[in-house]
Each structure stands twice: as C-alpha cells, then as structure tokens.
N, C-alpha and C. Protein backbone atom coordinates (compact mmCIF):
# COMPACT_ATOMS: atom_id res chain seq x y z
N MET A 1 124.02 113.60 104.41
CA MET A 1 122.07 113.68 103.89
C MET A 1 120.92 114.15 104.93
N LYS A 2 120.05 115.86 104.63
CA LYS A 2 119.73 115.24 105.38
C LYS A 2 117.99 114.16 104.97
N PHE A 3 117.16 113.70 105.66
CA PHE A 3 115.80 113.79 106.10
C PHE A 3 115.26 114.46 106.03
N THR A 4 113.44 114.85 105.50
CA THR A 4 112.62 115.75 105.24
C THR A 4 111.98 114.73 106.23
N GLU A 5 110.79 114.78 107.20
CA GLU A 5 109.85 115.42 107.75
C GLU A 5 108.96 113.88 107.59
N GLN A 6 108.72 113.63 106.25
CA GLN A 6 108.11 112.44 105.68
C GLN A 6 109.02 111.41 106.27
N GLU A 7 110.20 111.45 105.39
CA GLU A 7 110.92 109.91 105.79
C GLU A 7 111.52 109.46 106.73
N LYS A 8 111.92 110.34 107.73
CA LYS A 8 111.73 109.98 109.38
C LYS A 8 110.63 109.43 109.75
N ILE A 9 109.75 109.53 109.40
CA ILE A 9 107.83 108.77 110.12
C ILE A 9 107.96 107.06 109.70
N ILE A 10 108.44 107.88 107.73
CA ILE A 10 108.56 106.14 107.21
C ILE A 10 109.50 106.04 106.95
N GLU A 11 110.67 106.28 108.33
CA GLU A 11 111.59 105.03 109.04
C GLU A 11 111.13 104.63 110.27
N GLN A 12 111.11 105.27 111.12
CA GLN A 12 109.81 104.24 112.01
C GLN A 12 108.68 103.89 111.78
N ILE A 13 108.18 104.29 110.47
CA ILE A 13 107.14 102.76 110.35
C ILE A 13 107.88 101.81 110.29
N LEU A 14 108.72 101.86 109.34
CA LEU A 14 109.49 100.48 108.99
C LEU A 14 109.50 99.17 109.80
N LYS A 15 110.69 100.30 110.93
CA LYS A 15 111.51 99.66 112.53
C LYS A 15 110.07 99.26 113.47
N ALA A 16 109.16 99.83 113.33
CA ALA A 16 107.89 100.10 114.23
C ALA A 16 107.04 98.47 113.40
N VAL A 17 107.22 97.77 111.70
CA VAL A 17 106.82 97.15 111.84
C VAL A 17 107.79 95.25 112.24
N GLU A 18 109.41 95.96 111.83
CA GLU A 18 109.99 94.34 111.78
C GLU A 18 109.62 94.48 113.33
N LEU A 19 109.83 95.69 114.33
CA LEU A 19 109.58 94.80 115.38
C LEU A 19 108.77 94.39 115.97
N GLN A 20 107.21 94.40 115.80
CA GLN A 20 105.94 94.23 116.37
C GLN A 20 105.69 92.84 115.01
N THR A 21 106.75 92.57 113.64
CA THR A 21 105.75 91.41 113.75
C THR A 21 107.68 89.82 113.51
N GLY A 22 108.98 90.43 113.90
CA GLY A 22 109.71 90.10 114.57
C GLY A 22 110.44 89.53 112.76
N ILE A 23 110.13 89.70 111.66
CA ILE A 23 109.75 90.09 110.42
C ILE A 23 111.29 91.42 109.56
N ASN A 24 112.91 90.79 109.58
CA ASN A 24 113.49 91.70 108.90
C ASN A 24 112.94 92.95 107.82
N ARG A 25 113.29 93.64 107.95
CA ARG A 25 112.45 94.98 106.77
C ARG A 25 113.57 93.83 105.43
N SER A 26 113.64 93.56 105.14
CA SER A 26 114.96 93.53 103.88
C SER A 26 113.79 92.33 102.96
N ASP A 27 112.67 91.22 103.98
CA ASP A 27 112.30 90.08 103.91
C ASP A 27 110.42 91.01 103.55
N PHE A 28 110.25 91.72 104.35
CA PHE A 28 109.08 91.81 103.95
C PHE A 28 108.55 93.31 102.45
N VAL A 29 109.51 93.77 102.91
CA VAL A 29 109.37 94.18 101.74
C VAL A 29 110.46 94.31 100.50
N SER A 30 109.85 92.34 100.94
CA SER A 30 110.95 91.37 99.16
C SER A 30 109.64 90.98 98.40
N ASN A 31 109.62 90.25 97.26
CA ASN A 31 108.48 89.21 96.92
C ASN A 31 107.60 88.08 96.81
N SER A 32 108.45 88.31 97.72
CA SER A 32 107.81 87.06 99.17
C SER A 32 106.25 86.96 98.56
N ARG A 33 106.33 85.17 98.88
CA ARG A 33 103.87 85.66 99.53
C ARG A 33 104.45 84.94 99.82
N LYS A 34 104.43 84.72 100.79
CA LYS A 34 104.49 83.91 102.61
C LYS A 34 104.19 84.79 103.00
N GLU A 35 102.42 83.74 103.37
CA GLU A 35 101.42 85.23 105.30
C GLU A 35 101.64 85.63 105.93
N SER A 36 102.84 85.80 106.70
CA SER A 36 104.60 86.45 107.07
C SER A 36 104.31 87.45 106.80
N TYR A 37 104.52 87.04 105.73
CA TYR A 37 105.29 88.92 104.63
C TYR A 37 104.46 89.11 104.44
N LEU A 38 102.83 89.04 103.36
CA LEU A 38 102.21 89.73 102.38
C LEU A 38 101.44 90.28 103.87
N ASP A 39 101.41 90.24 106.18
CA ASP A 39 100.51 90.43 106.80
C ASP A 39 101.91 91.81 107.30
N ALA A 40 103.53 91.77 107.27
CA ALA A 40 103.95 93.05 107.74
C ALA A 40 103.73 93.68 106.39
N ARG A 41 103.49 93.60 104.90
CA ARG A 41 103.73 95.06 104.43
C ARG A 41 101.73 95.95 104.83
N LYS A 42 100.71 94.84 104.81
CA LYS A 42 99.68 95.45 105.05
C LYS A 42 100.03 95.95 106.15
N LYS A 43 100.54 95.70 107.60
CA LYS A 43 100.61 96.31 108.46
C LYS A 43 101.13 97.81 108.41
N ALA A 44 102.47 97.35 107.49
CA ALA A 44 102.67 99.18 107.23
C ALA A 44 102.18 99.47 106.14
N THR A 45 101.46 99.17 105.48
CA THR A 45 100.61 99.92 104.35
C THR A 45 99.51 100.27 105.31
N GLU A 46 98.91 100.35 106.10
CA GLU A 46 98.03 100.03 107.14
C GLU A 46 99.24 101.85 107.63
N LEU A 47 99.77 101.57 108.70
CA LEU A 47 100.82 102.98 108.79
C LEU A 47 101.14 103.93 108.50
N LEU A 48 101.79 103.47 107.37
CA LEU A 48 102.48 104.44 105.84
C LEU A 48 100.84 105.42 106.03
N ILE A 49 100.26 105.00 105.66
CA ILE A 49 98.02 105.95 105.46
C ILE A 49 97.92 106.60 106.63
N LYS A 50 97.97 106.24 107.64
CA LYS A 50 97.75 106.68 108.59
C LYS A 50 99.01 108.12 109.04
N GLU A 51 99.84 106.87 109.22
CA GLU A 51 101.22 107.95 109.82
C GLU A 51 102.16 108.93 108.59
N ALA A 52 102.00 108.48 107.68
CA ALA A 52 102.84 109.18 106.47
C ALA A 52 102.17 109.42 105.14
N HIS A 53 100.63 109.46 105.58
CA HIS A 53 99.56 109.56 104.52
C HIS A 53 100.11 109.69 103.51
N LEU A 54 100.40 108.74 102.82
CA LEU A 54 100.27 108.13 102.14
C LEU A 54 99.98 107.51 100.99
N ASN A 55 99.72 108.24 99.21
CA ASN A 55 98.79 107.22 98.26
C ASN A 55 99.58 105.98 98.10
N ASP A 56 98.20 105.64 97.31
CA ASP A 56 98.72 104.36 96.57
C ASP A 56 100.99 103.70 95.49
N GLU A 57 100.60 105.76 95.52
CA GLU A 57 101.97 105.36 94.44
C GLU A 57 103.02 105.85 95.45
N GLY A 58 103.36 106.96 97.34
CA GLY A 58 104.09 106.38 97.34
C GLY A 58 104.61 104.69 98.88
N ILE A 59 103.03 104.71 98.97
CA ILE A 59 103.45 103.24 99.62
C ILE A 59 103.27 101.51 98.43
N ALA A 60 104.04 101.28 96.77
CA ALA A 60 104.48 100.97 95.88
C ALA A 60 106.94 101.33 96.62
N LYS A 61 106.46 102.64 96.05
CA LYS A 61 107.73 102.83 96.30
C LYS A 61 108.30 103.13 97.67
N VAL A 62 107.93 102.77 98.82
CA VAL A 62 108.11 102.42 99.97
C VAL A 62 108.13 101.08 99.95
N LEU A 63 107.37 99.88 99.88
CA LEU A 63 107.61 98.76 99.84
C LEU A 63 107.89 97.76 98.98
N GLY A 64 108.71 98.29 97.42
CA GLY A 64 109.16 98.05 96.20
C GLY A 64 107.67 96.69 96.06
N VAL A 65 106.81 97.31 95.38
CA VAL A 65 105.41 96.91 95.22
C VAL A 65 105.86 97.13 94.41
N SER A 66 104.00 97.24 93.17
CA SER A 66 103.84 97.43 92.30
C SER A 66 102.47 99.65 92.96
N LYS A 67 102.15 100.05 92.07
CA LYS A 67 101.15 100.95 92.91
C LYS A 67 99.53 99.89 92.35
N SER A 68 99.60 99.15 91.88
CA SER A 68 98.16 98.37 92.42
C SER A 68 97.90 97.05 92.84
N THR A 69 99.42 96.54 93.19
CA THR A 69 99.84 96.43 94.56
C THR A 69 99.79 96.73 95.82
N ALA A 70 100.11 97.89 95.84
CA ALA A 70 100.01 99.49 97.41
C ALA A 70 98.05 99.45 97.33
N ASN A 71 97.75 99.11 96.05
CA ASN A 71 96.27 99.16 95.99
C ASN A 71 95.63 97.62 96.67
N ILE A 72 95.81 96.46 96.42
CA ILE A 72 95.54 96.04 96.59
C ILE A 72 95.81 95.95 98.44
N TYR A 73 96.46 96.32 99.00
CA TYR A 73 97.16 95.94 100.40
C TYR A 73 95.84 97.28 100.79
N ARG A 74 95.75 98.70 99.84
CA ARG A 74 94.90 99.43 100.55
C ARG A 74 93.60 99.05 100.36
N ASN A 75 92.80 98.18 99.73
CA ASN A 75 91.69 97.62 99.86
C ASN A 75 91.58 96.33 100.82
N SER A 76 92.44 95.98 100.78
CA SER A 76 91.70 95.11 102.48
C SER A 76 92.25 95.29 103.39
N LEU A 77 92.23 96.96 104.31
CA LEU A 77 91.94 96.80 105.18
C LEU A 77 91.34 97.70 104.93
N ARG A 78 90.75 97.92 104.08
CA ARG A 78 88.95 99.29 103.92
C ARG A 78 89.08 99.91 104.07
N TYR A 79 90.53 100.51 102.92
CA TYR A 79 90.61 102.36 102.98
C TYR A 79 91.42 103.12 101.28
N GLN A 80 90.03 104.20 101.77
CA GLN A 80 89.13 104.27 101.12
C GLN A 80 90.26 106.01 100.35
N HIS A 81 90.67 105.94 99.07
CA HIS A 81 91.23 106.86 98.40
C HIS A 81 91.40 107.62 98.46
N LYS A 82 91.95 109.18 99.17
CA LYS A 82 91.25 110.83 99.36
C LYS A 82 91.33 111.07 97.62
N LYS A 83 89.91 112.20 97.78
CA LYS A 83 89.41 112.45 96.54
C LYS A 83 89.72 114.62 97.20
C-alpha cells in the first residue's frame, strides 16, 4: 500500500504528538475528555493545520471527532478558516 505525501505527513505528526505528550495515539484519538488527551488533540490539531494544511473535515477524520469539535479545537488555537 502506497501512502500519499499528505498521509506520510499526518503519520509523522501523530507520532510526534505521541512522543511529545507521552500519550498513546489510540488514547488521544479516543472520545475521552481527560485534560491531557484534549491537550494532545489540540497539539495534533495545530500541527495538522500548519504542516498538513487540513481543514476541519480532515482534522475530524484524523482525530476521530466531529467536524464541529475539530472547529472548536481550531478556534481554541485562534486559527481562522482559509477563504
């Protein structure tokens, strides 16, 4: 199976967040509301915006959250939607 360049970037981002936060990827992409998991999701969101140039829908798919939740993470980081 061949990965696209964007899929490789996303994989690297998720590994980096896992290493930086010490939280297993399967935990921070879960629906848990633990503060440390939320922080890891926000860190992942920040990198997914900056490095992978994902919109809310893409972030939602990667993190396993709804599009509106991805939008909340984006807004909490003070990122604006691209127009």
